[in-house]
Amino acid sequence: MARIGGKNYAEYELGDIQETVADSEAATWGDLLHPRILRIALLGVILAALQQWVGINVIFNYAEEIYRSAGFGVTDTLLNIVATGVIALIANILAVPVRGQVRAAFRTTK
């Protein structure tokens, strides 16, 4: 931290971290069963499973081989890899407000 913000910044942040640790209670495995935490954890597991099921990770992991075997040159392969990543990023950015709207719709129906 000293390299990022200087010695004073590092000392301040270290003190802040130590104060936070001293003030907080130790977490237990049972805390994971709290309904709010359990919902968040289950959502993360479900999203990870769906991401694997959809197969987009295969495209990202083997993109070079996929595009090369499709006959693209080096430049086109790199361009396609960047385009795939940008499209995935845009889709995720657009999905955030949609998710909020869906969540709000479910809250109003209950």
C-alpha atoms as a PDB file:
ATOM      1  CA  MET A   1       0.000   0.000   0.000  1.00  0.00           C
ATOM      2  CA  ALA A   2       2.921   2.302   0.618  1.00  0.00           C
ATOM      3  CA  ARG A   3       3.821   2.080  -3.061  1.00  0.00           C
ATOM      4  CA  ILE A   4       0.304   3.038  -4.090  1.00  0.00           C
ATOM      5  CA  GLY A   5      -0.461   5.941  -1.772  1.00  0.00           C
ATOM      6  CA  GLY A   6       2.610   6.560   0.329  1.00  0.00           C
ATOM      7  CA  LYS A   7       3.558   5.711   3.899  1.00  0.00           C
ATOM      8  CA  ASN A   8       0.795   7.778   5.546  1.00  0.00           C
ATOM      9  CA  TYR A   9      -1.852   6.146   3.386  1.00  0.00           C
ATOM     10  CA  ALA A  10      -0.538   2.679   4.204  1.00  0.00           C
ATOM     11  CA  GLU A  11      -0.498   3.388   7.942  1.00  0.00           C
ATOM     12  CA  TYR A  12      -4.016   4.836   7.835  1.00  0.00           C
ATOM     13  CA  GLU A  13      -5.394   1.854   5.891  1.00  0.00           C
ATOM     14  CA  LEU A  14      -3.641  -0.639   8.165  1.00  0.00           C
ATOM     15  CA  GLY A  15      -5.123   1.068  11.222  1.00  0.00           C
ATOM     16  CA  ASP A  16      -8.560   1.045   9.600  1.00  0.00           C
ATOM     17  CA  ILE A  17      -8.270  -2.672   8.822  1.00  0.00           C
ATOM     18  CA  GLN A  18      -7.107  -3.479  12.345  1.00  0.00           C
ATOM     19  CA  GLU A  19      -9.984  -1.465  13.824  1.00  0.00           C
ATOM     20  CA  THR A  20     -12.510  -3.247  11.610  1.00  0.00           C
ATOM     21  CA  VAL A  21     -11.129  -6.661  12.570  1.00  0.00           C
ATOM     22  CA  ALA A  22     -11.165  -5.775  16.275  1.00  0.00           C
ATOM     23  CA  ASP A  23     -14.791  -4.583  16.094  1.00  0.00           C
ATOM     24  CA  SER A  24     -16.160  -7.528  14.131  1.00  0.00           C
ATOM     25  CA  GLU A  25     -17.391 -10.812  15.487  1.00  0.00           C
ATOM     26  CA  ALA A  26     -15.951 -14.105  14.341  1.00  0.00           C
ATOM     27  CA  ALA A  27     -18.067 -15.739  11.650  1.00  0.00           C
ATOM     28  CA  THR A  28     -19.122 -19.358  11.908  1.00  0.00           C
ATOM     29  CA  TRP A  29     -20.153 -21.912   9.315  1.00  0.00           C
ATOM     30  CA  GLY A  30     -23.661 -21.624  10.685  1.00  0.00           C
ATOM     31  CA  ASP A  31     -23.758 -17.998   9.540  1.00  0.00           C
ATOM     32  CA  LEU A  32     -23.940 -19.317   5.986  1.00  0.00           C
ATOM     33  CA  LEU A  33     -27.389 -20.699   6.794  1.00  0.00           C
ATOM     34  CA  HIS A  34     -28.774 -17.217   7.487  1.00  0.00           C
ATOM     35  CA  PRO A  35     -31.530 -16.742   4.860  1.00  0.00           C
ATOM     36  CA  ARG A  36     -29.966 -13.666   3.257  1.00  0.00           C
ATOM     37  CA  ILE A  37     -26.490 -15.195   2.996  1.00  0.00           C
ATOM     38  CA  LEU A  38     -27.894 -18.550   1.879  1.00  0.00           C
ATOM     39  CA  ARG A  39     -29.834 -16.856  -0.926  1.00  0.00           C
ATOM     40  CA  ILE A  40     -26.731 -15.005  -2.125  1.00  0.00           C
ATOM     41  CA  ALA A  41     -24.606 -18.165  -2.001  1.00  0.00           C
ATOM     42  CA  LEU A  42     -27.226 -20.217  -3.841  1.00  0.00           C
ATOM     43  CA  LEU A  43     -27.555 -17.510  -6.487  1.00  0.00           C
ATOM     44  CA  GLY A  44     -23.780 -17.598  -7.012  1.00  0.00           C
ATOM     45  CA  VAL A  45     -23.738 -21.380  -7.323  1.00  0.00           C
ATOM     46  CA  ILE A  46     -26.691 -21.371  -9.729  1.00  0.00           C
ATOM     47  CA  LEU A  47     -25.138 -18.651 -11.886  1.00  0.00           C
ATOM     48  CA  ALA A  48     -21.827 -20.528 -12.003  1.00  0.00           C
ATOM     49  CA  ALA A  49     -23.617 -23.745 -12.986  1.00  0.00           C
ATOM     50  CA  LEU A  50     -25.647 -22.003 -15.689  1.00  0.00           C
ATOM     51  CA  GLN A  51     -22.530 -20.336 -17.040  1.00  0.00           C
ATOM     52  CA  GLN A  52     -20.877 -23.727 -17.379  1.00  0.00           C
ATOM     53  CA  TRP A  53     -24.030 -25.227 -18.880  1.00  0.00           C
ATOM     54  CA  VAL A  54     -24.363 -22.490 -21.490  1.00  0.00           C
ATOM     55  CA  GLY A  55     -20.792 -23.145 -22.558  1.00  0.00           C
ATOM     56  CA  ILE A  56     -19.467 -19.615 -23.010  1.00  0.00           C
ATOM     57  CA  ASN A  57     -16.373 -20.601 -21.020  1.00  0.00           C
ATOM     58  CA  VAL A  58     -15.524 -23.149 -23.702  1.00  0.00           C
ATOM     59  CA  ILE A  59     -15.531 -20.378 -26.279  1.00  0.00           C
ATOM     60  CA  PHE A  60     -13.264 -18.211 -24.140  1.00  0.00           C
ATOM     61  CA  ASN A  61     -10.876 -21.037 -23.254  1.00  0.00           C
ATOM     62  CA  TYR A  62     -10.539 -22.471 -26.757  1.00  0.00           C
ATOM     63  CA  ALA A  63     -11.272 -19.381 -28.850  1.00  0.00           C
ATOM     64  CA  GLU A  64      -7.926 -19.371 -30.600  1.00  0.00           C
ATOM     65  CA  GLU A  65      -8.239 -22.993 -31.699  1.00  0.00           C
ATOM     66  CA  ILE A  66     -11.891 -22.589 -32.677  1.00  0.00           C
ATOM     67  CA  TYR A  67     -11.308 -19.539 -34.852  1.00  0.00           C
ATOM     68  CA  ARG A  68      -8.096 -20.907 -36.388  1.00  0.00           C
ATOM     69  CA  SER A  69      -9.765 -24.180 -37.288  1.00  0.00           C
ATOM     70  CA  ALA A  70     -12.578 -22.151 -38.879  1.00  0.00           C
ATOM     71  CA  GLY A  71      -9.988 -20.703 -41.237  1.00  0.00           C
ATOM     72  CA  PHE A  72      -9.354 -17.295 -39.682  1.00  0.00           C
ATOM     73  CA  GLY A  73      -5.852 -15.804 -39.789  1.00  0.00           C
ATOM     74  CA  VAL A  74      -3.995 -14.525 -36.737  1.00  0.00           C
ATOM     75  CA  THR A  75      -5.317 -10.968 -36.987  1.00  0.00           C
ATOM     76  CA  ASP A  76      -8.900 -12.077 -37.566  1.00  0.00           C
ATOM     77  CA  THR A  77      -8.640 -14.594 -34.734  1.00  0.00           C
ATOM     78  CA  LEU A  78      -7.520 -11.898 -32.300  1.00  0.00           C
ATOM     79  CA  LEU A  79     -10.248  -9.573 -33.534  1.00  0.00           C
ATOM     80  CA  ASN A  80     -12.870 -12.304 -33.047  1.00  0.00           C
ATOM     81  CA  ILE A  81     -11.612 -13.061 -29.528  1.00  0.00           C
ATOM     82  CA  VAL A  82     -11.854  -9.375 -28.598  1.00  0.00           C
ATOM     83  CA  ALA A  83     -15.296  -9.108 -30.211  1.00  0.00           C
ATOM     84  CA  THR A  84     -16.536 -12.165 -28.291  1.00  0.00           C
ATOM     85  CA  GLY A  85     -15.314 -10.659 -25.025  1.00  0.00           C
ATOM     86  CA  VAL A  86     -16.826  -7.248 -25.769  1.00  0.00           C
ATOM     87  CA  ILE A  87     -20.182  -8.795 -26.679  1.00  0.00           C
ATOM     88  CA  ALA A  88     -20.163 -10.825 -23.449  1.00  0.00           C
ATOM     89  CA  LEU A  89     -19.292  -7.708 -21.448  1.00  0.00           C
ATOM     90  CA  ILE A  90     -22.068  -5.669 -23.070  1.00  0.00           C
ATOM     91  CA  ALA A  91     -24.570  -8.484 -22.495  1.00  0.00           C
ATOM     92  CA  ASN A  92     -23.631  -8.611 -18.814  1.00  0.00           C
ATOM     93  CA  ILE A  93     -23.876  -4.836 -18.446  1.00  0.00           C
ATOM     94  CA  LEU A  94     -27.328  -4.864 -20.057  1.00  0.00           C
ATOM     95  CA  ALA A  95     -28.413  -7.791 -17.883  1.00  0.00           C
ATOM     96  CA  VAL A  96     -27.854  -5.923 -14.613  1.00  0.00           C
ATOM     97  CA  PRO A  97     -30.776  -3.473 -14.973  1.00  0.00           C
ATOM     98  CA  VAL A  98     -32.984  -6.215 -16.406  1.00  0.00           C
ATOM     99  CA  ARG A  99     -32.237  -8.346 -13.369  1.00  0.00           C
ATOM    100  CA  GLY A 100     -33.209  -5.423 -11.148  1.00  0.00           C
ATOM    101  CA  GLN A 101     -36.498  -5.012 -13.002  1.00  0.00           C
ATOM    102  CA  VAL A 102     -37.274  -8.722 -12.737  1.00  0.00           C
ATOM    103  CA  ARG A 103     -36.477  -8.654  -9.040  1.00  0.00           C
ATOM    104  CA  ALA A 104     -38.722  -5.622  -8.527  1.00  0.00           C
ATOM    105  CA  ALA A 105     -41.520  -7.333 -10.465  1.00  0.00           C
ATOM    106  CA  PHE A 106     -41.285 -10.414  -8.252  1.00  0.00           C
ATOM    107  CA  ARG A 107     -41.364  -8.273  -5.133  1.00  0.00           C
ATOM    108  CA  THR A 108     -44.547  -6.503  -6.204  1.00  0.00           C
ATOM    109  CA  THR A 109     -46.348  -9.779  -7.011  1.00  0.00           C
ATOM    110  CA  LYS A 110     -45.801 -11.251  -3.542  1.00  0.00           C
END
